[in-house]
Protein backbone atom coordinates (compact mmCIF):
# COMPACT_ATOMS: atom_id res chain seq x y z
CA UNK A 1 -166.67 -28.48 105.86
CA UNK A 2 -164.68 -29.57 108.93
CA UNK A 3 -161.05 -28.47 109.18
CA UNK A 4 -158.28 -29.52 111.54
CA UNK A 5 -154.84 -27.97 112.03
CA UNK A 6 -152.45 -30.03 114.09
CA UNK A 7 -148.88 -30.79 115.11
CA UNK A 8 -147.43 -34.29 115.26
CA UNK A 9 -145.50 -35.85 118.15
CA UNK A 10 -142.17 -37.61 117.65
CA UNK A 11 -141.75 -41.32 116.94
CA UNK A 12 -139.97 -41.64 120.30
CA UNK A 13 -143.03 -40.29 122.09
CA UNK A 14 -145.40 -42.50 120.06
CA UNK A 15 -143.37 -45.63 120.84
CA UNK A 16 -143.28 -44.84 124.57
CA UNK A 17 -146.98 -43.93 124.56
CA UNK A 18 -147.83 -47.17 122.75
CA UNK A 19 -146.06 -49.20 125.44
CA UNK A 20 -147.75 -47.19 128.19
CA UNK A 21 -151.26 -47.64 126.76
CA UNK A 22 -150.66 -51.35 126.11
CA UNK A 23 -149.61 -51.80 129.75
CA UNK A 24 -152.96 -50.35 130.87
CA UNK A 25 -154.53 -53.52 129.44
CA UNK A 26 -158.26 -54.00 130.02
CA UNK A 27 -158.66 -50.49 131.48
CA UNK A 28 -158.48 -49.09 127.93
CA UNK A 29 -161.70 -48.94 125.90
CA UNK A 30 -160.03 -47.39 122.83
CA UNK A 31 -156.49 -46.34 121.88
CA UNK A 32 -156.16 -43.07 119.98
CA UNK A 33 -152.46 -43.38 119.14
CA UNK A 34 -152.92 -44.42 115.49
CA UNK A 35 -153.64 -40.77 114.66
CA UNK A 36 -152.04 -39.04 117.67
CA UNK A 37 -151.68 -35.29 117.30
CA UNK A 38 -152.09 -31.99 119.13
CA UNK A 39 -154.97 -29.98 117.69
CA UNK A 40 -154.19 -26.29 117.18
CA UNK A 41 -157.43 -25.52 115.30
CA UNK A 42 -160.70 -27.35 114.76
CA UNK A 43 -163.84 -25.91 113.23
CA UNK A 44 -166.49 -25.93 110.53
CA UNK A 45 -165.61 -23.45 107.82
CA UNK A 46 -167.93 -22.35 105.03
CA UNK A 47 -167.21 -23.71 101.53
CA UNK A 48 -168.61 -20.61 99.84
CA UNK A 49 -168.94 -17.01 101.05
CA UNK A 50 -170.67 -14.42 98.86
CA UNK A 51 -170.56 -16.80 95.92
CA UNK A 52 -166.80 -17.43 96.13
CA UNK A 53 -165.08 -20.65 97.13
CA UNK A 54 -163.16 -20.24 100.37
CA UNK A 55 -160.58 -23.05 100.13
CA UNK A 56 -157.85 -21.00 98.36
CA UNK A 57 -158.14 -18.23 100.98
CA UNK A 58 -158.21 -20.76 103.84
CA UNK A 59 -154.98 -22.35 102.61
CA UNK A 60 -153.35 -18.96 102.00
CA UNK A 61 -154.29 -17.79 105.50
CA UNK A 62 -152.98 -21.03 106.98
CA UNK A 63 -149.63 -20.66 105.21
CA UNK A 64 -149.19 -17.18 106.69
CA UNK A 65 -149.49 -18.23 110.34
CA UNK A 66 -145.80 -18.63 111.24
CA UNK A 67 -145.87 -16.94 114.68
CA UNK A 68 -142.35 -17.85 115.81
CA UNK A 69 -139.50 -20.26 115.05
CA UNK A 70 -139.55 -23.99 115.73
CA UNK A 71 -139.40 -24.96 119.40
CA UNK A 72 -138.89 -28.02 121.54
CA UNK A 73 -142.06 -29.66 122.85
CA UNK A 74 -142.32 -31.85 125.93
CA UNK A 75 -145.02 -33.45 128.05
CA UNK A 76 -145.94 -31.51 131.20
CA UNK A 77 -148.24 -34.12 132.77
CA UNK A 78 -150.96 -36.68 132.20
CA UNK A 79 -154.53 -35.70 132.97
CA UNK A 80 -158.12 -36.72 132.39
CA UNK A 81 -160.08 -34.82 129.78
CA UNK A 82 -163.87 -35.07 129.51
CA UNK A 83 -163.85 -37.67 132.32
CA UNK A 84 -162.56 -40.74 130.48
CA UNK A 85 -159.95 -39.53 127.99
CA UNK A 86 -156.35 -39.89 129.13
CA UNK A 87 -154.27 -37.11 127.60
CA UNK A 88 -150.66 -35.98 127.65
CA UNK A 89 -150.73 -32.24 128.37
CA UNK A 90 -148.02 -30.34 126.49
CA UNK A 91 -145.77 -27.95 128.36
CA UNK A 92 -146.39 -24.49 126.88
CA UNK A 93 -145.15 -22.03 129.50
CA UNK A 94 -143.75 -19.73 126.79
CA UNK A 95 -147.09 -19.79 124.97
CA UNK A 96 -145.60 -21.08 121.70
CA UNK A 97 -148.38 -23.54 120.87
CA UNK A 98 -151.03 -21.06 122.03
CA UNK A 99 -149.61 -18.44 119.65
CA UNK A 100 -150.07 -20.89 116.77
CA UNK A 101 -153.61 -21.61 118.00
CA UNK A 102 -154.60 -17.93 118.31
CA UNK A 103 -153.03 -17.10 114.96
CA UNK A 104 -155.17 -19.79 113.32
CA UNK A 105 -158.46 -19.05 115.06
CA UNK A 106 -158.09 -15.37 114.21
CA UNK A 107 -157.19 -16.20 110.60
CA UNK A 108 -160.10 -18.61 110.15
CA UNK A 109 -162.72 -16.61 112.04
CA UNK A 110 -164.02 -14.94 108.86
CA UNK A 111 -164.67 -18.38 107.33
CA UNK A 112 -166.61 -19.88 110.25
CA UNK A 113 -169.97 -21.30 109.27
CA UNK A 114 -172.31 -18.99 111.22
CA UNK A 115 -175.27 -21.40 110.91
CA UNK A 116 -173.26 -24.03 112.78
CA UNK A 117 -172.22 -21.58 115.51
CA UNK A 118 -175.81 -20.63 116.27
CA UNK A 119 -176.83 -24.29 116.74
CA UNK A 120 -176.03 -25.02 120.40
CA UNK A 121 -177.26 -28.60 119.90
CA UNK A 122 -173.84 -29.28 118.36
CA UNK A 123 -172.08 -28.54 121.65
CA UNK A 124 -171.59 -31.66 123.81
CA UNK A 125 -174.43 -31.98 126.33
CA UNK A 126 -172.18 -31.46 129.36
CA UNK A 127 -171.11 -28.00 128.07
CA UNK A 128 -174.44 -26.51 126.98
CA UNK A 129 -175.04 -24.86 130.35
CA UNK A 130 -171.41 -23.69 130.67
CA UNK A 131 -171.38 -20.03 129.64
CA UNK A 132 -167.64 -19.98 128.97
CA UNK A 133 -167.80 -23.04 126.68
CA UNK A 134 -170.80 -21.61 124.79
CA UNK A 135 -169.01 -18.25 124.46
CA UNK A 136 -165.83 -19.72 122.93
CA UNK A 137 -167.88 -22.04 120.69
CA UNK A 138 -169.88 -19.13 119.29
CA UNK A 139 -166.77 -16.96 118.95
CA UNK A 140 -164.19 -19.42 117.64
CA UNK A 141 -166.15 -22.45 116.40
CA UNK A 142 -165.06 -24.95 119.05
CA UNK A 143 -165.85 -25.26 122.75
CA UNK A 144 -162.14 -25.96 123.35
CA UNK A 145 -160.77 -22.80 121.69
CA UNK A 146 -159.56 -19.38 122.71
CA UNK A 147 -158.85 -18.84 126.40
CA UNK A 148 -160.07 -22.42 127.12
CA UNK A 149 -157.53 -24.00 124.75
CA UNK A 150 -155.26 -26.58 126.41
CA UNK A 151 -152.64 -28.19 124.13
CA UNK A 152 -152.63 -31.97 124.57
CA UNK A 153 -152.33 -35.32 122.81
CA UNK A 154 -155.08 -37.87 123.45
CA UNK A 155 -153.63 -41.27 124.35
CA UNK A 156 -156.72 -43.40 124.93
CA UNK A 157 -160.23 -43.68 126.34
CA UNK A 158 -160.54 -45.43 129.68
CA UNK A 159 -163.17 -47.82 131.01
CA UNK A 160 -162.11 -47.01 134.55
CA UNK A 161 -159.58 -44.74 136.23
CA UNK A 162 -157.19 -46.44 138.62
CA UNK A 163 -154.86 -44.89 141.16
CA UNK A 164 -151.46 -43.94 139.76
CA UNK A 165 -152.64 -43.73 136.17
CA UNK A 166 -151.67 -40.05 135.95
CA UNK A 167 -147.98 -40.68 136.74
CA UNK A 168 -146.03 -39.15 133.84
CA UNK A 169 -143.95 -41.82 132.02
CA UNK A 170 -142.62 -39.31 129.48
CA UNK A 171 -140.00 -37.47 131.59
CA UNK A 172 -137.08 -36.36 129.43
CA UNK A 173 -138.78 -36.95 126.08
CA UNK A 174 -138.94 -33.87 123.87
CA UNK A 175 -139.08 -33.13 120.17
CA UNK A 176 -138.87 -30.16 117.85
CA UNK A 177 -142.23 -28.82 116.72
CA UNK A 178 -141.39 -27.44 113.30
CA UNK A 179 -144.42 -28.37 111.18
CA UNK A 180 -148.13 -27.59 111.32
CA UNK A 181 -150.56 -29.56 109.14
CA UNK A 182 -153.98 -28.54 107.83
CA UNK A 183 -156.52 -31.25 107.02
CA UNK A 184 -160.14 -31.29 105.94
CA UNK A 185 -162.77 -33.96 106.44
CA UNK A 186 -163.64 -35.73 103.19
CA UNK A 187 -166.09 -38.65 103.16
CA UNK A 188 -165.48 -39.42 106.82
CA UNK A 189 -161.67 -39.25 106.67
CA UNK A 190 -159.13 -36.50 107.35
CA UNK A 191 -157.04 -35.52 104.33
CA UNK A 192 -153.99 -33.28 104.69
CA UNK A 193 -154.25 -30.32 102.32
CA UNK A 194 -151.43 -28.01 103.45
CA UNK A 195 -148.27 -27.91 105.54
CA UNK A 196 -146.36 -25.03 107.12
CA UNK A 197 -142.73 -25.48 108.15
CA UNK A 198 -141.65 -23.36 111.11
CA UNK A 199 -138.01 -22.26 111.03
């Protein structure tokens, strides 16, 4: 079963991002703002281990993550991710979001579906020869985890990259990150199953 833990951006950011993506016009192949979030964990976790259902333990582990109090979040810069995804990279110099990420990947490690981790065909083609990406995939369940984790919010997919597109339009916008959501994939859709409030 696929699981996703994430934090949500503010409405102010979403409104500004919506205007920014709309102004890109025909350069955008797909907007991702309808479900904009910053992933702090993604992976395939086993439904049953040694004959016991894992969901209650997964939720209990998730609710015990609270690594530190709520903090302000802001956009550091825009950058390209996997060539054609335009993302807003979150400023995390104090390591706050990374602490949440590492707390979750360590908590969920015992539930990782080992059969999935041994199947390198599930890693995107461009990463299969990258030893670091394979290492974090087989350790943490995602090629974007661990020391390769980079907190960001995907804005859109681009058809082409034009000069000046990486100019940050989000200067001065910040919000309090005080909630982390846990969702699981059910019949092709993400369903929230737990919430942790950070105080």
